[in-house]
Amino acid sequence: MLRRGHTLSASAAAYLEAMVVNDLSPGDKLPPERVLAENLEVSRTTIRDALSDLEQRRLVTRTPGRGTIVAPRSANATAMLETMSTDAEEEHVAELRRLIEPQVAGLAADRATSSDLVALESILASTHAGLDPAESLAQDVAFHMQLARAARNPLLVSLCQLSAGWVHTVRARSHATREGRRSSFEGHKEILEAVRLHDHEEAVAAMTAHLDEVRRLVERSTS
């Protein structure tokens, strides 16, 4: 169940992060440590280390007698989600992504932990040109969102989440062909390698090149 190329605590943290982000809602309670340890076939110490990592990143809160609870979204991030328009022009969102996402990649290279790398590697391992367009698009969004979480700034996570909604149609066009899906995979692979090496400048360059290639594919699909 866990990816064994990293420490067990990092793999457990990545698994539990995916559970918190994808399957649970703020206020939901995680299973007890004993149950998690049995399900993941690891020690309770490994689970405690993994939960401590999630707590430090403000994804969960841990209280004696209450257990581990999924933390609420930050107040600032919630306000941004509630007040910003979803009717942004496509070209404006593309410009915003090119300004923000390379810096997100750079911060991820600076700050990514082993559990972040496990999560990014897992997403990339599930990505290939043989996926259908919808599946490929879902993996694309998941990769960029996980990269934002690795940057350790909840406002950047919210901003990337917003832009993902704004640019959904454009992104879908870039995944409509096998060439586009293959390009997405290759771009993500280059970004991940830079993040794994903690190379800030290379991560920025790899994300910039990736977004430029997406723009080229979209322009060609509409010409």
C-alpha atoms as a PDB file:
ATOM      1  CA  MET A   1       0.000   0.000   0.000  1.00  0.00           C
ATOM      2  CA  LEU A   2       2.843   2.386   0.851  1.00  0.00           C
ATOM      3  CA  ARG A   3       5.619   3.386  -1.527  1.00  0.00           C
ATOM      4  CA  ARG A   4       8.774   1.810  -0.093  1.00  0.00           C
ATOM      5  CA  GLY A   5      11.416   3.947  -1.813  1.00  0.00           C
ATOM      6  CA  HIS A   6      11.287   6.486   1.033  1.00  0.00           C
ATOM      7  CA  THR A   7      11.108   6.311   4.827  1.00  0.00           C
ATOM      8  CA  LEU A   8       7.941   4.681   6.090  1.00  0.00           C
ATOM      9  CA  SER A   9       6.920   7.834   7.980  1.00  0.00           C
ATOM     10  CA  ALA A  10       7.198   9.896   4.754  1.00  0.00           C
ATOM     11  CA  SER A  11       5.198   7.320   2.816  1.00  0.00           C
ATOM     12  CA  ALA A  12       2.586   7.157   5.572  1.00  0.00           C
ATOM     13  CA  ALA A  13       2.376  10.969   5.697  1.00  0.00           C
ATOM     14  CA  ALA A  14       1.853  11.124   1.921  1.00  0.00           C
ATOM     15  CA  TYR A  15      -0.865   8.460   2.122  1.00  0.00           C
ATOM     16  CA  LEU A  16      -2.635  10.218   4.992  1.00  0.00           C
ATOM     17  CA  GLU A  17      -2.324  13.599   3.264  1.00  0.00           C
ATOM     18  CA  ALA A  18      -4.089  12.180   0.214  1.00  0.00           C
ATOM     19  CA  MET A  19      -6.824  10.861   2.515  1.00  0.00           C
ATOM     20  CA  VAL A  20      -7.226  14.252   4.216  1.00  0.00           C
ATOM     21  CA  VAL A  21      -7.216  16.255   0.982  1.00  0.00           C
ATOM     22  CA  ASN A  22      -9.233  13.955  -1.277  1.00  0.00           C
ATOM     23  CA  ASP A  23     -11.526  11.874   0.929  1.00  0.00           C
ATOM     24  CA  LEU A  24     -12.258  13.885   4.070  1.00  0.00           C
ATOM     25  CA  SER A  25     -13.690  17.310   4.891  1.00  0.00           C
ATOM     26  CA  PRO A  26     -12.759  19.890   7.558  1.00  0.00           C
ATOM     27  CA  GLY A  27     -13.972  18.604  10.916  1.00  0.00           C
ATOM     28  CA  ASP A  28     -13.872  14.930   9.940  1.00  0.00           C
ATOM     29  CA  LYS A  29     -12.067  12.602  12.318  1.00  0.00           C
ATOM     30  CA  LEU A  30      -9.308  10.277  11.166  1.00  0.00           C
ATOM     31  CA  PRO A  31      -9.320   6.644  12.324  1.00  0.00           C
ATOM     32  CA  PRO A  32      -7.394   5.928  15.551  1.00  0.00           C
ATOM     33  CA  GLU A  33      -3.629   5.455  15.337  1.00  0.00           C
ATOM     34  CA  ARG A  34      -4.010   1.742  16.033  1.00  0.00           C
ATOM     35  CA  VAL A  35      -6.384   1.282  13.100  1.00  0.00           C
ATOM     36  CA  LEU A  36      -4.207   3.325  10.747  1.00  0.00           C
ATOM     37  CA  ALA A  37      -1.140   1.332  11.783  1.00  0.00           C
ATOM     38  CA  GLU A  38      -2.937  -1.957  11.140  1.00  0.00           C
ATOM     39  CA  ASN A  39      -4.328  -0.807   7.790  1.00  0.00           C
ATOM     40  CA  LEU A  40      -0.948   0.461   6.547  1.00  0.00           C
ATOM     41  CA  GLU A  41       0.995  -2.391   8.151  1.00  0.00           C
ATOM     42  CA  VAL A  42       3.383  -0.062   9.975  1.00  0.00           C
ATOM     43  CA  SER A  43       4.118   0.706  13.620  1.00  0.00           C
ATOM     44  CA  ARG A  44       2.129   3.193  15.677  1.00  0.00           C
ATOM     45  CA  THR A  45       5.343   5.202  16.022  1.00  0.00           C
ATOM     46  CA  THR A  46       5.434   5.562  12.228  1.00  0.00           C
ATOM     47  CA  ILE A  47       1.815   6.736  12.255  1.00  0.00           C
ATOM     48  CA  ARG A  48       2.540   9.250  15.026  1.00  0.00           C
ATOM     49  CA  ASP A  49       5.474  10.656  13.051  1.00  0.00           C
ATOM     50  CA  ALA A  50       3.294  10.926   9.936  1.00  0.00           C
ATOM     51  CA  LEU A  51       0.475  12.649  11.820  1.00  0.00           C
ATOM     52  CA  SER A  52       2.963  15.019  13.415  1.00  0.00           C
ATOM     53  CA  ASP A  53       4.120  15.997   9.929  1.00  0.00           C
ATOM     54  CA  LEU A  54       0.520  16.713   8.865  1.00  0.00           C
ATOM     55  CA  GLU A  55      -0.086  18.704  12.045  1.00  0.00           C
ATOM     56  CA  GLN A  56       2.982  20.869  11.452  1.00  0.00           C
ATOM     57  CA  ARG A  57       1.601  21.621   8.006  1.00  0.00           C
ATOM     58  CA  ARG A  58      -1.772  22.569   9.516  1.00  0.00           C
ATOM     59  CA  LEU A  59      -3.663  19.868   7.666  1.00  0.00           C
ATOM     60  CA  VAL A  60      -4.909  18.257  10.884  1.00  0.00           C
ATOM     61  CA  THR A  61      -5.253  19.079  14.581  1.00  0.00           C
ATOM     62  CA  ARG A  62      -4.502  16.551  17.317  1.00  0.00           C
ATOM     63  CA  THR A  63      -6.116  16.832  20.724  1.00  0.00           C
ATOM     64  CA  PRO A  64      -5.876  14.297  23.578  1.00  0.00           C
ATOM     65  CA  GLY A  65      -9.247  12.646  24.009  1.00  0.00           C
ATOM     66  CA  ARG A  66     -10.556  13.858  20.641  1.00  0.00           C
ATOM     67  CA  GLY A  67      -8.104  12.245  18.269  1.00  0.00           C
ATOM     68  CA  THR A  68      -6.975  13.657  14.928  1.00  0.00           C
ATOM     69  CA  ILE A  69      -9.329  16.068  13.132  1.00  0.00           C
ATOM     70  CA  VAL A  70      -9.070  17.487   9.612  1.00  0.00           C
ATOM     71  CA  ALA A  71      -8.226  21.162  10.056  1.00  0.00           C
ATOM     72  CA  PRO A  72     -10.367  23.942   8.587  1.00  0.00           C
ATOM     73  CA  ARG A  73      -9.131  25.882   5.595  1.00  0.00           C
ATOM     74  CA  SER A  74      -7.353  29.056   6.636  1.00  0.00           C
ATOM     75  CA  ALA A  75      -9.619  32.076   7.077  1.00  0.00           C
ATOM     76  CA  ASN A  76      -7.715  34.114   4.494  1.00  0.00           C
ATOM     77  CA  ALA A  77      -7.850  31.322   1.941  1.00  0.00           C
ATOM     78  CA  THR A  78     -11.576  30.843   2.548  1.00  0.00           C
ATOM     79  CA  ALA A  79     -12.208  34.549   2.041  1.00  0.00           C
ATOM     80  CA  MET A  80     -10.296  34.450  -1.230  1.00  0.00           C
ATOM     81  CA  LEU A  81     -12.321  31.485  -2.473  1.00  0.00           C
ATOM     82  CA  GLU A  82     -15.596  33.162  -1.560  1.00  0.00           C
ATOM     83  CA  THR A  83     -14.943  36.630  -2.936  1.00  0.00           C
ATOM     84  CA  MET A  84     -12.956  36.182  -6.143  1.00  0.00           C
ATOM     85  CA  SER A  85     -14.871  35.842  -9.405  1.00  0.00           C
ATOM     86  CA  THR A  86     -14.904  32.607 -11.390  1.00  0.00           C
ATOM     87  CA  ASP A  87     -15.453  34.497 -14.648  1.00  0.00           C
ATOM     88  CA  ALA A  88     -11.846  35.458 -15.281  1.00  0.00           C
ATOM     89  CA  GLU A  89     -10.734  35.785 -18.882  1.00  0.00           C
ATOM     90  CA  GLU A  90      -8.703  32.799 -20.094  1.00  0.00           C
ATOM     91  CA  GLU A  91      -5.760  34.949 -21.173  1.00  0.00           C
ATOM     92  CA  HIS A  92      -5.670  36.634 -17.778  1.00  0.00           C
ATOM     93  CA  VAL A  93      -5.609  33.294 -15.983  1.00  0.00           C
ATOM     94  CA  ALA A  94      -2.872  32.003 -18.291  1.00  0.00           C
ATOM     95  CA  GLU A  95      -0.854  35.113 -17.505  1.00  0.00           C
ATOM     96  CA  LEU A  96      -1.477  34.643 -13.781  1.00  0.00           C
ATOM     97  CA  ARG A  97      -0.349  31.004 -13.967  1.00  0.00           C
ATOM     98  CA  ARG A  98       2.856  31.976 -15.755  1.00  0.00           C
ATOM     99  CA  LEU A  99       3.603  34.536 -13.067  1.00  0.00           C
ATOM    100  CA  ILE A 100       2.692  32.388 -10.062  1.00  0.00           C
ATOM    101  CA  GLU A 101       3.262  28.708 -10.830  1.00  0.00           C
ATOM    102  CA  PRO A 102       6.994  28.881 -11.650  1.00  0.00           C
ATOM    103  CA  GLN A 103       7.499  30.536  -8.265  1.00  0.00           C
ATOM    104  CA  VAL A 104       5.350  27.845  -6.654  1.00  0.00           C
ATOM    105  CA  ALA A 105       7.626  25.233  -8.223  1.00  0.00           C
ATOM    106  CA  GLY A 106      10.676  27.092  -6.913  1.00  0.00           C
ATOM    107  CA  LEU A 107       9.267  27.197  -3.390  1.00  0.00           C
ATOM    108  CA  ALA A 108       8.400  23.505  -3.635  1.00  0.00           C
ATOM    109  CA  ALA A 109      12.017  22.805  -4.555  1.00  0.00           C
ATOM    110  CA  ASP A 110      13.093  24.768  -1.471  1.00  0.00           C
ATOM    111  CA  ARG A 111      10.576  23.279   0.963  1.00  0.00           C
ATOM    112  CA  ALA A 112       9.416  19.845  -0.222  1.00  0.00           C
ATOM    113  CA  THR A 113       9.706  17.066   2.325  1.00  0.00           C
ATOM    114  CA  SER A 114      10.058  13.360   1.688  1.00  0.00           C
ATOM    115  CA  SER A 115       6.286  12.934   2.029  1.00  0.00           C
ATOM    116  CA  ASP A 116       5.721  15.597  -0.652  1.00  0.00           C
ATOM    117  CA  LEU A 117       8.050  13.737  -2.989  1.00  0.00           C
ATOM    118  CA  VAL A 118       6.216  10.469  -2.318  1.00  0.00           C
ATOM    119  CA  ALA A 119       2.902  12.140  -3.188  1.00  0.00           C
ATOM    120  CA  LEU A 120       4.259  13.760  -6.366  1.00  0.00           C
ATOM    121  CA  GLU A 121       5.894  10.515  -7.483  1.00  0.00           C
ATOM    122  CA  SER A 122       2.644   8.639  -6.901  1.00  0.00           C
ATOM    123  CA  ILE A 123       0.714  11.062  -9.100  1.00  0.00           C
ATOM    124  CA  LEU A 124       3.348  10.890 -11.830  1.00  0.00           C
ATOM    125  CA  ALA A 125       3.340   7.083 -11.664  1.00  0.00           C
ATOM    126  CA  SER A 126      -0.400   7.175 -12.394  1.00  0.00           C
ATOM    127  CA  THR A 127       0.088   9.458 -15.415  1.00  0.00           C
ATOM    128  CA  HIS A 128       0.756   8.232 -18.937  1.00  0.00           C
ATOM    129  CA  ALA A 129      -0.236   9.005 -22.523  1.00  0.00           C
ATOM    130  CA  GLY A 130      -2.669   6.087 -22.557  1.00  0.00           C
ATOM    131  CA  LEU A 131      -5.054   7.751 -20.126  1.00  0.00           C
ATOM    132  CA  ASP A 132      -8.239   9.161 -21.555  1.00  0.00           C
ATOM    133  CA  PRO A 133      -8.467  12.973 -21.640  1.00  0.00           C
ATOM    134  CA  ALA A 134     -10.531  13.277 -18.454  1.00  0.00           C
ATOM    135  CA  GLU A 135      -8.219  10.994 -16.481  1.00  0.00           C
ATOM    136  CA  SER A 136      -5.134  12.785 -17.774  1.00  0.00           C
ATOM    137  CA  LEU A 137      -6.613  16.167 -16.878  1.00  0.00           C
ATOM    138  CA  ALA A 138      -7.416  14.966 -13.349  1.00  0.00           C
ATOM    139  CA  GLN A 139      -3.819  13.825 -12.840  1.00  0.00           C
ATOM    140  CA  ASP A 140      -2.553  17.146 -14.224  1.00  0.00           C
ATOM    141  CA  VAL A 141      -4.613  19.128 -11.712  1.00  0.00           C
ATOM    142  CA  ALA A 142      -3.586  16.767  -8.895  1.00  0.00           C
ATOM    143  CA  PHE A 143       0.114  17.243  -9.693  1.00  0.00           C
ATOM    144  CA  HIS A 144      -0.073  21.033  -9.701  1.00  0.00           C
ATOM    145  CA  MET A 145      -2.134  21.090  -6.500  1.00  0.00           C
ATOM    146  CA  GLN A 146       0.308  18.777  -4.742  1.00  0.00           C
ATOM    147  CA  LEU A 147       3.174  20.984  -5.892  1.00  0.00           C
ATOM    148  CA  ALA A 148       1.386  23.983  -4.359  1.00  0.00           C
ATOM    149  CA  ARG A 149       0.955  22.111  -1.081  1.00  0.00           C
ATOM    150  CA  ALA A 150       4.686  21.334  -1.123  1.00  0.00           C
ATOM    151  CA  ALA A 151       5.335  25.088  -1.290  1.00  0.00           C
ATOM    152  CA  ARG A 152       3.901  25.334   2.253  1.00  0.00           C
ATOM    153  CA  ASN A 153       1.719  28.386   1.696  1.00  0.00           C
ATOM    154  CA  PRO A 154      -2.068  27.875   2.038  1.00  0.00           C
ATOM    155  CA  LEU A 155      -2.829  31.021   0.047  1.00  0.00           C
ATOM    156  CA  LEU A 156      -0.875  29.652  -2.909  1.00  0.00           C
ATOM    157  CA  VAL A 157      -2.827  26.406  -2.623  1.00  0.00           C
ATOM    158  CA  SER A 158      -6.093  28.363  -2.762  1.00  0.00           C
ATOM    159  CA  LEU A 159      -4.870  30.484  -5.655  1.00  0.00           C
ATOM    160  CA  CYS A 160      -3.860  27.418  -7.660  1.00  0.00           C
ATOM    161  CA  GLN A 161      -7.209  25.834  -6.843  1.00  0.00           C
ATOM    162  CA  LEU A 162      -9.006  28.890  -8.161  1.00  0.00           C
ATOM    163  CA  SER A 163      -6.955  29.062 -11.338  1.00  0.00           C
ATOM    164  CA  ALA A 164      -7.562  25.351 -11.947  1.00  0.00           C
ATOM    165  CA  GLY A 165     -11.284  26.074 -12.069  1.00  0.00           C
ATOM    166  CA  TRP A 166     -10.879  29.152 -14.249  1.00  0.00           C
ATOM    167  CA  VAL A 167      -8.680  27.443 -16.819  1.00  0.00           C
ATOM    168  CA  HIS A 168     -10.403  24.042 -16.840  1.00  0.00           C
ATOM    169  CA  THR A 169     -11.620  24.350 -20.437  1.00  0.00           C
ATOM    170  CA  VAL A 170      -8.211  25.416 -21.735  1.00  0.00           C
ATOM    171  CA  ARG A 171      -6.492  22.631 -19.816  1.00  0.00           C
ATOM    172  CA  ALA A 172      -8.945  20.116 -21.235  1.00  0.00           C
ATOM    173  CA  ARG A 173      -7.973  21.134 -24.775  1.00  0.00           C
ATOM    174  CA  SER A 174      -4.313  20.492 -24.005  1.00  0.00           C
ATOM    175  CA  HIS A 175      -5.194  16.926 -22.922  1.00  0.00           C
ATOM    176  CA  ALA A 176      -7.405  16.161 -25.911  1.00  0.00           C
ATOM    177  CA  THR A 177      -4.588  14.505 -27.886  1.00  0.00           C
ATOM    178  CA  ARG A 178      -2.005  11.859 -27.057  1.00  0.00           C
ATOM    179  CA  GLU A 179       0.692  14.420 -27.867  1.00  0.00           C
ATOM    180  CA  GLY A 180      -0.759  16.774 -25.274  1.00  0.00           C
ATOM    181  CA  ARG A 181      -1.008  14.060 -22.641  1.00  0.00           C
ATOM    182  CA  ARG A 182       2.547  12.941 -23.338  1.00  0.00           C
ATOM    183  CA  SER A 183       3.753  16.553 -23.135  1.00  0.00           C
ATOM    184  CA  SER A 184       2.037  16.970 -19.760  1.00  0.00           C
ATOM    185  CA  PHE A 185       3.759  13.868 -18.404  1.00  0.00           C
ATOM    186  CA  GLU A 186       7.186  14.927 -19.667  1.00  0.00           C
ATOM    187  CA  GLY A 187       6.768  18.430 -18.256  1.00  0.00           C
ATOM    188  CA  HIS A 188       5.765  17.110 -14.859  1.00  0.00           C
ATOM    189  CA  LYS A 189       8.697  14.685 -14.866  1.00  0.00           C
ATOM    190  CA  GLU A 190      11.152  17.557 -15.417  1.00  0.00           C
ATOM    191  CA  ILE A 191       9.533  19.622 -12.666  1.00  0.00           C
ATOM    192  CA  LEU A 192       9.583  16.726 -10.218  1.00  0.00           C
ATOM    193  CA  GLU A 193      13.249  16.021 -10.884  1.00  0.00           C
ATOM    194  CA  ALA A 194      14.139  19.636 -10.099  1.00  0.00           C
ATOM    195  CA  VAL A 195      12.056  19.534  -6.915  1.00  0.00           C
ATOM    196  CA  ARG A 196      13.670  16.241  -5.892  1.00  0.00           C
ATOM    197  CA  LEU A 197      17.095  17.858  -6.286  1.00  0.00           C
ATOM    198  CA  HIS A 198      15.922  20.966  -4.384  1.00  0.00           C
ATOM    199  CA  ASP A 199      17.055  23.038  -7.365  1.00  0.00           C
ATOM    200  CA  HIS A 200      15.039  26.256  -7.148  1.00  0.00           C
ATOM    201  CA  GLU A 201      16.137  27.803 -10.442  1.00  0.00           C
ATOM    202  CA  GLU A 202      15.692  24.593 -12.424  1.00  0.00           C
ATOM    203  CA  ALA A 203      12.219  24.081 -10.959  1.00  0.00           C
ATOM    204  CA  VAL A 204      11.238  27.606 -12.019  1.00  0.00           C
ATOM    205  CA  ALA A 205      12.642  27.005 -15.511  1.00  0.00           C
ATOM    206  CA  ALA A 206      10.956  23.596 -15.843  1.00  0.00           C
ATOM    207  CA  MET A 207       7.549  24.979 -14.868  1.00  0.00           C
ATOM    208  CA  THR A 208       7.942  27.941 -17.219  1.00  0.00           C
ATOM    209  CA  ALA A 209       8.814  25.622 -20.104  1.00  0.00           C
ATOM    210  CA  HIS A 210       5.874  23.371 -19.215  1.00  0.00           C
ATOM    211  CA  LEU A 211       3.362  26.242 -19.255  1.00  0.00           C
ATOM    212  CA  ASP A 212       4.801  27.565 -22.528  1.00  0.00           C
ATOM    213  CA  GLU A 213       4.341  24.128 -24.099  1.00  0.00           C
ATOM    214  CA  VAL A 214       0.750  23.948 -22.852  1.00  0.00           C
ATOM    215  CA  ARG A 215       0.060  27.352 -24.410  1.00  0.00           C
ATOM    216  CA  ARG A 216       1.585  26.195 -27.716  1.00  0.00           C
ATOM    217  CA  LEU A 217      -0.574  23.063 -27.773  1.00  0.00           C
ATOM    218  CA  VAL A 218      -3.735  25.005 -26.971  1.00  0.00           C
ATOM    219  CA  GLU A 219      -3.043  27.629 -29.632  1.00  0.00           C
ATOM    220  CA  ARG A 220      -2.444  24.927 -32.218  1.00  0.00           C
ATOM    221  CA  SER A 221      -5.669  23.141 -31.271  1.00  0.00           C
ATOM    222  CA  THR A 222      -7.701  26.308 -31.857  1.00  0.00           C
ATOM    223  CA  SER A 223      -5.998  27.506 -35.047  1.00  0.00           C
END
